[in-house]
C-alpha atoms as a PDB file:
ATOM      1  CA  MET A   1      -8.279  23.453  25.527  1.00  0.00           C
ATOM      2  CA  ILE A   2      -8.516  20.532  23.107  1.00  0.00           C
ATOM      3  CA  ILE A   3      -8.455  17.111  24.751  1.00  0.00           C
ATOM      4  CA  PHE A   4      -6.950  14.570  22.384  1.00  0.00           C
ATOM      5  CA  HIS A   5      -7.391  10.843  22.851  1.00  0.00           C
ATOM      6  CA  GLU A   6      -5.768   8.007  20.937  1.00  0.00           C
ATOM      7  CA  LEU A   7      -8.192   5.101  20.609  1.00  0.00           C
ATOM      8  CA  LEU A   8      -6.066   1.976  20.117  1.00  0.00           C
ATOM      9  CA  ILE A   9      -8.217  -0.355  18.047  1.00  0.00           C
ATOM     10  CA  GLY A  10      -5.420  -2.909  17.561  1.00  0.00           C
ATOM     11  CA  SER A  11      -2.897  -4.555  19.862  1.00  0.00           C
ATOM     12  CA  VAL A  12      -0.145  -7.160  19.783  1.00  0.00           C
ATOM     13  CA  SER A  13       0.321 -10.140  22.085  1.00  0.00           C
ATOM     14  CA  ASP A  14       3.603  -8.874  23.521  1.00  0.00           C
ATOM     15  CA  ALA A  15       2.900  -5.769  25.644  1.00  0.00           C
ATOM     16  CA  GLN A  16       6.413  -4.405  25.191  1.00  0.00           C
ATOM     17  CA  ASP A  17       5.726  -3.979  21.487  1.00  0.00           C
ATOM     18  CA  ASP A  18       2.655  -1.766  21.970  1.00  0.00           C
ATOM     19  CA  ASP A  19       4.688   1.365  21.251  1.00  0.00           C
ATOM     20  CA  VAL A  20       5.130   0.187  17.667  1.00  0.00           C
ATOM     21  CA  LEU A  21       1.417   0.811  17.136  1.00  0.00           C
ATOM     22  CA  SER A  22       1.459   4.375  18.427  1.00  0.00           C
ATOM     23  CA  ARG A  23       1.596   7.567  16.414  1.00  0.00           C
ATOM     24  CA  GLY A  24       5.199   8.575  15.899  1.00  0.00           C
ATOM     25  CA  ALA A  25       6.542   5.005  16.031  1.00  0.00           C
ATOM     26  CA  ASN A  26       9.257   4.144  13.520  1.00  0.00           C
ATOM     27  CA  PRO A  27       7.558   2.607  10.436  1.00  0.00           C
ATOM     28  CA  CYS A  28      10.721   2.187   8.339  1.00  0.00           C
ATOM     29  CA  PRO A  29      11.006  -1.483   7.297  1.00  0.00           C
ATOM     30  CA  ARG A  30      14.802  -1.255   7.091  1.00  0.00           C
ATOM     31  CA  CYS A  31      15.049   0.115  10.614  1.00  0.00           C
ATOM     32  CA  LEU A  32      12.640  -2.535  11.899  1.00  0.00           C
ATOM     33  CA  ARG A  33      14.607  -5.281  10.182  1.00  0.00           C
ATOM     34  CA  ALA A  34      17.757  -4.128  11.970  1.00  0.00           C
ATOM     35  CA  SER A  35      16.016  -3.753  15.329  1.00  0.00           C
ATOM     36  CA  SER A  36      16.355  -6.382  18.035  1.00  0.00           C
ATOM     37  CA  THR A  37      12.719  -5.829  19.047  1.00  0.00           C
ATOM     38  CA  LYS A  38      10.279  -8.507  17.942  1.00  0.00           C
ATOM     39  CA  GLN A  39       8.400  -6.493  15.335  1.00  0.00           C
ATOM     40  CA  GLU A  40       6.990  -9.496  13.516  1.00  0.00           C
ATOM     41  CA  ASN A  41       4.146 -10.086  16.014  1.00  0.00           C
ATOM     42  CA  SER A  42       0.783  -9.858  14.314  1.00  0.00           C
ATOM     43  CA  VAL A  43      -1.656  -7.117  15.251  1.00  0.00           C
ATOM     44  CA  GLU A  44      -5.016  -8.240  16.584  1.00  0.00           C
ATOM     45  CA  PRO A  45      -8.154  -6.055  16.619  1.00  0.00           C
ATOM     46  CA  VAL A  46      -9.334  -4.976  20.049  1.00  0.00           C
ATOM     47  CA  GLY A  47     -12.768  -6.425  20.808  1.00  0.00           C
ATOM     48  CA  LEU A  48     -15.792  -4.257  20.128  1.00  0.00           C
ATOM     49  CA  ASN A  49     -17.133  -4.493  23.693  1.00  0.00           C
ATOM     50  CA  THR A  50     -13.820  -3.256  25.071  1.00  0.00           C
ATOM     51  CA  LEU A  51     -13.792  -0.357  22.623  1.00  0.00           C
ATOM     52  CA  LEU A  52     -17.401   0.549  23.408  1.00  0.00           C
ATOM     53  CA  LEU A  53     -16.510   0.856  27.093  1.00  0.00           C
ATOM     54  CA  ARG A  54     -13.568   3.120  26.234  1.00  0.00           C
ATOM     55  CA  ILE A  55     -15.726   5.248  23.956  1.00  0.00           C
ATOM     56  CA  GLU A  56     -18.432   5.536  26.614  1.00  0.00           C
ATOM     57  CA  GLY A  57     -15.876   7.127  28.891  1.00  0.00           C
ATOM     58  CA  LEU A  58     -15.250   9.857  26.311  1.00  0.00           C
ATOM     59  CA  SER A  59     -18.836  11.048  26.229  1.00  0.00           C
ATOM     60  CA  SER A  60     -18.338  13.218  29.326  1.00  0.00           C
ATOM     61  CA  VAL A  61     -15.411  15.179  27.896  1.00  0.00           C
ATOM     62  CA  GLU A  62     -15.064  17.302  24.794  1.00  0.00           C
ATOM     63  CA  ALA A  63     -12.500  15.040  23.204  1.00  0.00           C
ATOM     64  CA  SER A  64     -11.015  14.629  19.771  1.00  0.00           C
ATOM     65  CA  VAL A  65     -10.418  10.951  19.036  1.00  0.00           C
ATOM     66  CA  MET A  66      -7.893   9.391  16.662  1.00  0.00           C
ATOM     67  CA  MET A  67      -8.333   5.706  15.842  1.00  0.00           C
ATOM     68  CA  CYS A  68      -4.895   4.091  15.623  1.00  0.00           C
ATOM     69  CA  GLY A  69      -3.038   0.904  16.473  1.00  0.00           C
ATOM     70  CA  MET A  70      -3.947  -0.952  13.293  1.00  0.00           C
ATOM     71  CA  GLU A  71      -5.306  -0.158   9.858  1.00  0.00           C
ATOM     72  CA  PRO A  72      -8.921   0.848  10.665  1.00  0.00           C
ATOM     73  CA  PHE A  73     -10.345  -0.774   7.547  1.00  0.00           C
ATOM     74  CA  ARG A  74      -8.978  -4.137   8.706  1.00  0.00           C
ATOM     75  CA  HIS A  75     -10.973  -3.972  11.939  1.00  0.00           C
ATOM     76  CA  PRO A  76     -14.129  -6.109  11.542  1.00  0.00           C
ATOM     77  CA  SER A  77     -16.208  -3.685  13.633  1.00  0.00           C
ATOM     78  CA  LEU A  78     -15.117  -0.386  12.075  1.00  0.00           C
ATOM     79  CA  VAL A  79     -18.674   0.675  11.219  1.00  0.00           C
ATOM     80  CA  SER A  80     -19.850   0.029  14.798  1.00  0.00           C
ATOM     81  CA  ILE A  81     -16.843   1.909  16.204  1.00  0.00           C
ATOM     82  CA  VAL A  82     -17.579   4.964  14.058  1.00  0.00           C
ATOM     83  CA  GLN A  83     -21.255   4.841  14.988  1.00  0.00           C
ATOM     84  CA  ALA A  84     -20.376   4.620  18.696  1.00  0.00           C
ATOM     85  CA  LEU A  85     -18.054   7.615  18.428  1.00  0.00           C
ATOM     86  CA  ALA A  86     -20.832   9.603  16.747  1.00  0.00           C
ATOM     87  CA  ALA A  87     -23.280   8.616  19.481  1.00  0.00           C
ATOM     88  CA  ALA A  88     -20.777   9.662  22.155  1.00  0.00           C
ATOM     89  CA  LYS A  89     -20.727  13.115  20.555  1.00  0.00           C
ATOM     90  CA  VAL A  90     -16.956  13.452  20.680  1.00  0.00           C
ATOM     91  CA  ARG A  91     -15.678  16.717  19.284  1.00  0.00           C
ATOM     92  CA  ARG A  92     -13.829  15.259  16.290  1.00  0.00           C
ATOM     93  CA  VAL A  93     -13.241  11.771  14.954  1.00  0.00           C
ATOM     94  CA  GLY A  94     -10.113  10.835  13.052  1.00  0.00           C
ATOM     95  CA  MET A  95      -8.217   7.805  11.864  1.00  0.00           C
ATOM     96  CA  ARG A  96      -4.616   6.931  11.176  1.00  0.00           C
ATOM     97  CA  THR A  97      -4.737   4.990   7.933  1.00  0.00           C
ATOM     98  CA  ASP A  98      -2.710   4.088   4.860  1.00  0.00           C
ATOM     99  CA  ALA A  99      -5.703   5.496   2.912  1.00  0.00           C
ATOM    100  CA  ALA A 100      -5.841   2.581   0.461  1.00  0.00           C
ATOM    101  CA  ALA A 101      -9.545   1.936   1.089  1.00  0.00           C
ATOM    102  CA  LEU A 102     -10.310   5.644   0.779  1.00  0.00           C
ATOM    103  CA  ALA A 103      -9.337   5.604  -2.895  1.00  0.00           C
ATOM    104  CA  ASN A 104     -12.686   3.806  -3.316  1.00  0.00           C
ATOM    105  CA  PRO A 105     -15.392   6.516  -3.578  1.00  0.00           C
ATOM    106  CA  ARG A 106     -17.923   4.417  -1.665  1.00  0.00           C
ATOM    107  CA  ASP A 107     -15.575   3.871   1.296  1.00  0.00           C
ATOM    108  CA  ALA A 108     -14.447   7.497   1.304  1.00  0.00           C
ATOM    109  CA  GLN A 109     -17.989   8.860   1.229  1.00  0.00           C
ATOM    110  CA  GLY A 110     -19.156   6.407   3.884  1.00  0.00           C
ATOM    111  CA  CYS A 111     -16.270   7.341   6.152  1.00  0.00           C
ATOM    112  CA  VAL A 112     -16.546  11.120   5.778  1.00  0.00           C
ATOM    113  CA  GLY A 113     -20.340  11.051   5.745  1.00  0.00           C
ATOM    114  CA  ASN A 114     -20.468   9.181   9.060  1.00  0.00           C
ATOM    115  CA  GLY A 115     -18.326  11.689  10.902  1.00  0.00           C
ATOM    116  CA  VAL A 116     -14.667  10.849  10.314  1.00  0.00           C
ATOM    117  CA  ARG A 117     -13.148  14.215   9.396  1.00  0.00           C
ATOM    118  CA  MET A 118      -9.467  13.942  10.442  1.00  0.00           C
ATOM    119  CA  PHE A 119      -7.030  11.692   8.632  1.00  0.00           C
ATOM    120  CA  GLU A 120      -3.389  10.984   9.467  1.00  0.00           C
ATOM    121  CA  ILE A 121      -1.594   9.188   6.653  1.00  0.00           C
ATOM    122  CA  PRO A 122       1.943   7.890   7.287  1.00  0.00           C
ATOM    123  CA  PHE A 123       4.260   8.026   4.286  1.00  0.00           C
ATOM    124  CA  LEU A 124       7.349   6.088   3.309  1.00  0.00           C
ATOM    125  CA  PRO A 125       9.215   6.841   0.065  1.00  0.00           C
ATOM    126  CA  ARG A 126       8.001   5.273  -3.163  1.00  0.00           C
ATOM    127  CA  GLU A 127      11.403   3.586  -3.334  1.00  0.00           C
ATOM    128  CA  MET A 128      10.414   1.419  -0.339  1.00  0.00           C
ATOM    129  CA  ASP A 129       7.239   0.001  -1.888  1.00  0.00           C
ATOM    130  CA  SER A 130       8.869  -3.386  -2.492  1.00  0.00           C
ATOM    131  CA  ILE A 131       9.665  -3.904   1.217  1.00  0.00           C
ATOM    132  CA  ASN A 132       6.807  -1.956   2.780  1.00  0.00           C
ATOM    133  CA  GLN A 133       3.968  -4.169   4.030  1.00  0.00           C
ATOM    134  CA  GLY A 134       1.470  -1.324   3.857  1.00  0.00           C
ATOM    135  CA  ALA A 135      -0.182   0.339   0.882  1.00  0.00           C
ATOM    136  CA  PRO A 136       2.116   1.530  -1.933  1.00  0.00           C
ATOM    137  CA  PHE A 137       3.048   5.196  -2.115  1.00  0.00           C
ATOM    138  CA  ASP A 138       0.814   6.078  -5.068  1.00  0.00           C
ATOM    139  CA  VAL A 139      -2.159   4.276  -3.503  1.00  0.00           C
ATOM    140  CA  ARG A 140      -1.855   6.531  -0.448  1.00  0.00           C
ATOM    141  CA  LEU A 141      -1.864   9.585  -2.703  1.00  0.00           C
ATOM    142  CA  ALA A 142      -4.988   8.244  -4.425  1.00  0.00           C
ATOM    143  CA  GLY A 143      -6.571   7.831  -0.990  1.00  0.00           C
ATOM    144  CA  ILE A 144      -6.002  11.507  -0.192  1.00  0.00           C
ATOM    145  CA  GLN A 145      -7.660  12.466  -3.450  1.00  0.00           C
ATOM    146  CA  GLY A 146     -10.543  10.127  -2.577  1.00  0.00           C
ATOM    147  CA  ILE A 147     -11.013  11.876   0.769  1.00  0.00           C
ATOM    148  CA  ARG A 148     -11.017  15.264  -0.937  1.00  0.00           C
ATOM    149  CA  ALA A 149     -13.498  14.171  -3.597  1.00  0.00           C
ATOM    150  CA  ALA A 150     -15.852  12.704  -0.970  1.00  0.00           C
ATOM    151  CA  ALA A 151     -15.710  15.852   1.163  1.00  0.00           C
ATOM    152  CA  THR A 152     -16.472  18.034  -1.855  1.00  0.00           C
ATOM    153  CA  GLN A 153     -19.382  15.867  -2.952  1.00  0.00           C
ATOM    154  CA  LEU A 154     -20.865  15.808   0.558  1.00  0.00           C
ATOM    155  CA  GLY A 155     -20.183  19.497   1.218  1.00  0.00           C
ATOM    156  CA  LEU A 156     -18.154  18.722   4.340  1.00  0.00           C
ATOM    157  CA  ASN A 157     -14.758  19.843   5.627  1.00  0.00           C
ATOM    158  CA  VAL A 158     -11.958  17.402   6.349  1.00  0.00           C
ATOM    159  CA  PHE A 159      -8.415  17.743   7.641  1.00  0.00           C
ATOM    160  CA  VAL A 160      -5.686  15.564   6.115  1.00  0.00           C
ATOM    161  CA  CYS A 161      -2.204  15.315   7.609  1.00  0.00           C
ATOM    162  CA  ALA A 162       0.726  13.522   5.968  1.00  0.00           C
ATOM    163  CA  ASP A 163       2.970  12.010   8.645  1.00  0.00           C
ATOM    164  CA  ILE A 164       6.533  11.774   7.294  1.00  0.00           C
ATOM    165  CA  PHE A 165       8.970   9.833   9.445  1.00  0.00           C
ATOM    166  CA  ILE A 166      12.653  10.678   9.083  1.00  0.00           C
ATOM    167  CA  CYS A 167      15.425   8.140   9.597  1.00  0.00           C
ATOM    168  CA  LYS A 168      18.698   7.481   7.804  1.00  0.00           C
ATOM    169  CA  HIS A 169      16.848   5.438   5.167  1.00  0.00           C
ATOM    170  CA  THR A 170      13.974   7.819   4.444  1.00  0.00           C
ATOM    171  CA  ALA A 171      15.811  11.156   4.732  1.00  0.00           C
ATOM    172  CA  PRO A 172      17.139  11.202   1.136  1.00  0.00           C
ATOM    173  CA  TYR A 173      13.564  11.187  -0.189  1.00  0.00           C
ATOM    174  CA  PHE A 174      12.023  13.635   2.277  1.00  0.00           C
ATOM    175  CA  VAL A 175      11.362  16.553  -0.055  1.00  0.00           C
ATOM    176  CA  THR A 176      10.058  14.316  -2.848  1.00  0.00           C
ATOM    177  CA  VAL A 177       7.573  12.723  -0.456  1.00  0.00           C
ATOM    178  CA  MET A 178       6.523  16.124   0.850  1.00  0.00           C
ATOM    179  CA  GLN A 179       6.008  17.511  -2.655  1.00  0.00           C
ATOM    180  CA  ALA A 180       3.792  14.576  -3.616  1.00  0.00           C
ATOM    181  CA  ALA A 181       1.687  14.922  -0.456  1.00  0.00           C
ATOM    182  CA  ILE A 182       1.148  18.629  -1.091  1.00  0.00           C
ATOM    183  CA  VAL A 183       0.086  18.009  -4.681  1.00  0.00           C
ATOM    184  CA  ALA A 184      -2.333  15.301  -3.511  1.00  0.00           C
ATOM    185  CA  GLY A 185      -4.063  17.842  -1.259  1.00  0.00           C
ATOM    186  CA  VAL A 186      -2.972  17.604   2.392  1.00  0.00           C
ATOM    187  CA  ASP A 187      -3.658  20.318   4.950  1.00  0.00           C
ATOM    188  CA  ALA A 188      -0.605  19.584   7.077  1.00  0.00           C
ATOM    189  CA  ILE A 189       2.820  17.965   6.982  1.00  0.00           C
ATOM    190  CA  ARG A 190       3.943  16.345  10.232  1.00  0.00           C
ATOM    191  CA  ILE A 191       7.639  15.505  10.568  1.00  0.00           C
ATOM    192  CA  SER A 192       8.623  12.964  13.203  1.00  0.00           C
ATOM    193  CA  PHE A 193      11.841  11.137  14.001  1.00  0.00           C
ATOM    194  CA  ALA A 194      13.042   8.568  16.527  1.00  0.00           C
ATOM    195  CA  GLU A 195      16.392   9.959  17.640  1.00  0.00           C
ATOM    196  CA  ALA A 196      16.524  11.533  21.103  1.00  0.00           C
ATOM    197  CA  ASP A 197      18.797  14.348  19.941  1.00  0.00           C
ATOM    198  CA  PRO A 198      16.876  16.902  17.817  1.00  0.00           C
ATOM    199  CA  ALA A 199      20.107  17.820  16.068  1.00  0.00           C
ATOM    200  CA  SER A 200      20.019  14.373  14.472  1.00  0.00           C
ATOM    201  CA  LEU A 201      17.067  15.425  12.324  1.00  0.00           C
ATOM    202  CA  VAL A 202      19.044  18.306  10.887  1.00  0.00           C
ATOM    203  CA  THR A 203      22.031  16.014  10.349  1.00  0.00           C
ATOM    204  CA  LEU A 204      19.961  13.356   8.589  1.00  0.00           C
ATOM    205  CA  LEU A 205      18.462  15.932   6.241  1.00  0.00           C
ATOM    206  CA  GLY A 206      21.839  17.472   5.472  1.00  0.00           C
ATOM    207  CA  GLY A 207      21.447  20.822   7.221  1.00  0.00           C
ATOM    208  CA  ASP A 208      19.005  23.450   8.473  1.00  0.00           C
ATOM    209  CA  SER A 209      18.442  24.734   4.952  1.00  0.00           C
ATOM    210  CA  ILE A 210      16.473  21.615   4.000  1.00  0.00           C
ATOM    211  CA  LEU A 211      13.987  22.076   6.849  1.00  0.00           C
ATOM    212  CA  ASP A 212      13.728  25.788   6.160  1.00  0.00           C
ATOM    213  CA  SER A 213      13.104  25.165   2.449  1.00  0.00           C
ATOM    214  CA  ALA A 214      10.490  22.539   3.285  1.00  0.00           C
ATOM    215  CA  HIS A 215       8.790  24.967   5.650  1.00  0.00           C
ATOM    216  CA  SER A 216       8.785  27.672   2.965  1.00  0.00           C
ATOM    217  CA  LEU A 217       7.307  25.237   0.442  1.00  0.00           C
ATOM    218  CA  ALA A 218       4.536  24.337   2.875  1.00  0.00           C
ATOM    219  CA  VAL A 219       3.740  27.982   3.634  1.00  0.00           C
ATOM    220  CA  GLN A 220       3.734  28.814  -0.075  1.00  0.00           C
ATOM    221  CA  ASN A 221       1.067  26.146  -0.568  1.00  0.00           C
ATOM    222  CA  SER A 222      -0.924  27.080   2.585  1.00  0.00           C
ATOM    223  CA  VAL A 223      -0.024  23.799   4.280  1.00  0.00           C
ATOM    224  CA  ALA A 224       0.725  23.698   8.014  1.00  0.00           C
ATOM    225  CA  PHE A 225       4.214  22.419   8.813  1.00  0.00           C
ATOM    226  CA  PHE A 226       4.861  20.586  12.085  1.00  0.00           C
ATOM    227  CA  VAL A 227       8.045  19.150  13.553  1.00  0.00           C
ATOM    228  CA  VAL A 228       7.513  16.733  16.424  1.00  0.00           C
ATOM    229  CA  GLY A 229      10.266  16.663  18.994  1.00  0.00           C
ATOM    230  CA  ASP A 230      12.476  18.943  21.029  1.00  0.00           C
ATOM    231  CA  GLU A 231      11.385  22.465  21.959  1.00  0.00           C
ATOM    232  CA  SER A 232      14.405  23.784  20.063  1.00  0.00           C
ATOM    233  CA  PHE A 233      12.201  23.651  16.967  1.00  0.00           C
ATOM    234  CA  ALA A 234       9.347  25.561  18.628  1.00  0.00           C
ATOM    235  CA  GLY A 235      10.521  29.000  17.605  1.00  0.00           C
ATOM    236  CA  ARG A 236      10.807  28.040  13.936  1.00  0.00           C
ATOM    237  CA  TYR A 237       8.111  25.465  13.186  1.00  0.00           C
ATOM    238  CA  LEU A 238       4.763  24.448  14.627  1.00  0.00           C
ATOM    239  CA  GLN A 239       4.933  21.744  17.282  1.00  0.00           C
ATOM    240  CA  GLY A 240       2.906  18.532  17.242  1.00  0.00           C
ATOM    241  CA  ALA A 241       0.636  19.702  20.058  1.00  0.00           C
ATOM    242  CA  GLN A 242      -0.435  22.662  17.904  1.00  0.00           C
ATOM    243  CA  LEU A 243      -1.828  20.435  15.158  1.00  0.00           C
ATOM    244  CA  TYR A 244      -5.330  20.349  16.599  1.00  0.00           C
ATOM    245  CA  GLN A 245      -5.300  24.044  17.412  1.00  0.00           C
ATOM    246  CA  THR A 246      -4.759  24.488  13.684  1.00  0.00           C
ATOM    247  CA  ILE A 247      -7.808  22.329  13.014  1.00  0.00           C
ATOM    248  CA  THR A 248      -9.864  24.606  15.278  1.00  0.00           C
ATOM    249  CA  ALA A 249      -8.662  27.679  13.393  1.00  0.00           C
ATOM    250  CA  VAL A 250      -9.486  26.017  10.098  1.00  0.00           C
ATOM    251  CA  GLU A 251     -12.983  25.075  11.285  1.00  0.00           C
ATOM    252  CA  THR A 252     -13.598  28.677  12.354  1.00  0.00           C
ATOM    253  CA  ALA A 253     -12.469  29.960   8.975  1.00  0.00           C
ATOM    254  CA  SER A 254     -14.686  27.430   7.212  1.00  0.00           C
ATOM    255  CA  SER A 255     -17.741  28.491   9.214  1.00  0.00           C
ATOM    256  CA  ASN A 256     -17.134  32.024   7.966  1.00  0.00           C
ATOM    257  CA  GLY A 257     -17.344  30.892   4.379  1.00  0.00           C
ATOM    258  CA  THR A 258     -13.659  30.397   3.621  1.00  0.00           C
ATOM    259  CA  THR A 259     -11.981  27.155   2.612  1.00  0.00           C
ATOM    260  CA  PHE A 260      -9.348  25.023   4.283  1.00  0.00           C
ATOM    261  CA  PRO A 261      -5.748  26.182   3.810  1.00  0.00           C
ATOM    262  CA  GLY A 262      -4.515  25.613   0.289  1.00  0.00           C
ATOM    263  CA  ARG A 263      -7.738  24.058  -0.924  1.00  0.00           C
ATOM    264  CA  SER A 264      -9.218  26.995  -2.869  1.00  0.00           C
ATOM    265  CA  GLY A 265     -12.460  25.036  -3.028  1.00  0.00           C
ATOM    266  CA  LYS A 266     -10.869  22.331  -5.170  1.00  0.00           C
ATOM    267  CA  SER A 267     -10.015  18.698  -4.614  1.00  0.00           C
ATOM    268  CA  GLY A 268      -8.236  15.806  -6.245  1.00  0.00           C
ATOM    269  CA  LYS A 269      -6.946  16.458  -9.738  1.00  0.00           C
ATOM    270  CA  ASP A 270      -8.292  20.030  -9.833  1.00  0.00           C
ATOM    271  CA  ALA A 271      -6.344  20.941  -6.690  1.00  0.00           C
ATOM    272  CA  LYS A 272      -3.038  20.037  -8.302  1.00  0.00           C
ATOM    273  CA  SER A 273      -3.014  23.113 -10.488  1.00  0.00           C
ATOM    274  CA  ASP A 274      -2.905  25.319  -7.381  1.00  0.00           C
ATOM    275  CA  LYS A 275       0.208  23.674  -5.990  1.00  0.00           C
ATOM    276  CA  VAL A 276       3.665  25.108  -6.390  1.00  0.00           C
ATOM    277  CA  VAL A 277       6.359  22.488  -5.872  1.00  0.00           C
ATOM    278  CA  GLY A 278      10.018  22.330  -6.702  1.00  0.00           C
ATOM    279  CA  SER A 279      11.624  20.266  -9.393  1.00  0.00           C
ATOM    280  CA  GLU A 280      11.718  16.573  -8.533  1.00  0.00           C
ATOM    281  CA  LYS A 281      15.179  16.456 -10.061  1.00  0.00           C
ATOM    282  CA  THR A 282      16.574  18.530  -7.184  1.00  0.00           C
ATOM    283  CA  SER A 283      14.351  17.232  -4.394  1.00  0.00           C
ATOM    284  CA  ARG A 284      16.431  14.387  -3.022  1.00  0.00           C
ATOM    285  CA  VAL A 285      18.577  14.995   0.030  1.00  0.00           C
ATOM    286  CA  GLY A 286      21.966  13.341   0.400  1.00  0.00           C
ATOM    287  CA  GLU A 287      22.412   9.789  -0.765  1.00  0.00           C
ATOM    288  CA  ASN A 288      20.539   6.576  -0.062  1.00  0.00           C
ATOM    289  CA  ARG A 289      21.707   4.717   3.033  1.00  0.00           C
ATOM    290  CA  ASP A 290      21.375   0.972   3.604  1.00  0.00           C
END
């Protein structure tokens, strides 16, 4: 059994807003603007001593750790955190990041070389760049290519997951975002949404056929396809809890001399030629919603 632990390296002053920092939280700036929750509170880095105590507690279990809660490269003690995780001998170390810093070869090589091998990269459509406070869409794609290039140069395996959140504002661009992430070189696509009713995801996307086509596109490109949410999706798509089982399978395959799914031993620009994606002209779903 894989034990997975989220290491919150950032927090906000108002405890009721902590869920905003978690994986799967709604990142859409239009949704946040319309929300009554106080989303404008600034995120503060958790102190290093506090984090070291939390990491020490992980040394007795075979855990996989995902740094989240704030952009890791904005934490002043990131290097010390990564070193502490390595010393604790956790099973895997990952980070949830906008990947902007990883477009820099030095940062990417330093990160991968010091043991960070899992990357979750949240994506919003390129059309939201002007209102998104995080890294622009194309910068995130460049970060994925930076991770791939670093892993190839160092001879190490990494696992990159694009986290695509679906709401009424992002749904029209879903397939376009997914296509771009596949071309950039991800190993997995993770679909999440905020609505309690799983049928709302299908409604937002305009029907089951969109999800089925997206799943087929992922399979065609050897990319794992996950839908987070109700068990009604379990029989058709991988569930979020299976993501790290997939990593285990990939690691086993790699130890036998094979490559990660869809990689074919290539990275960055060279990997693009192996990708089969649909026409961008037909990739948008429905119409934009304000």
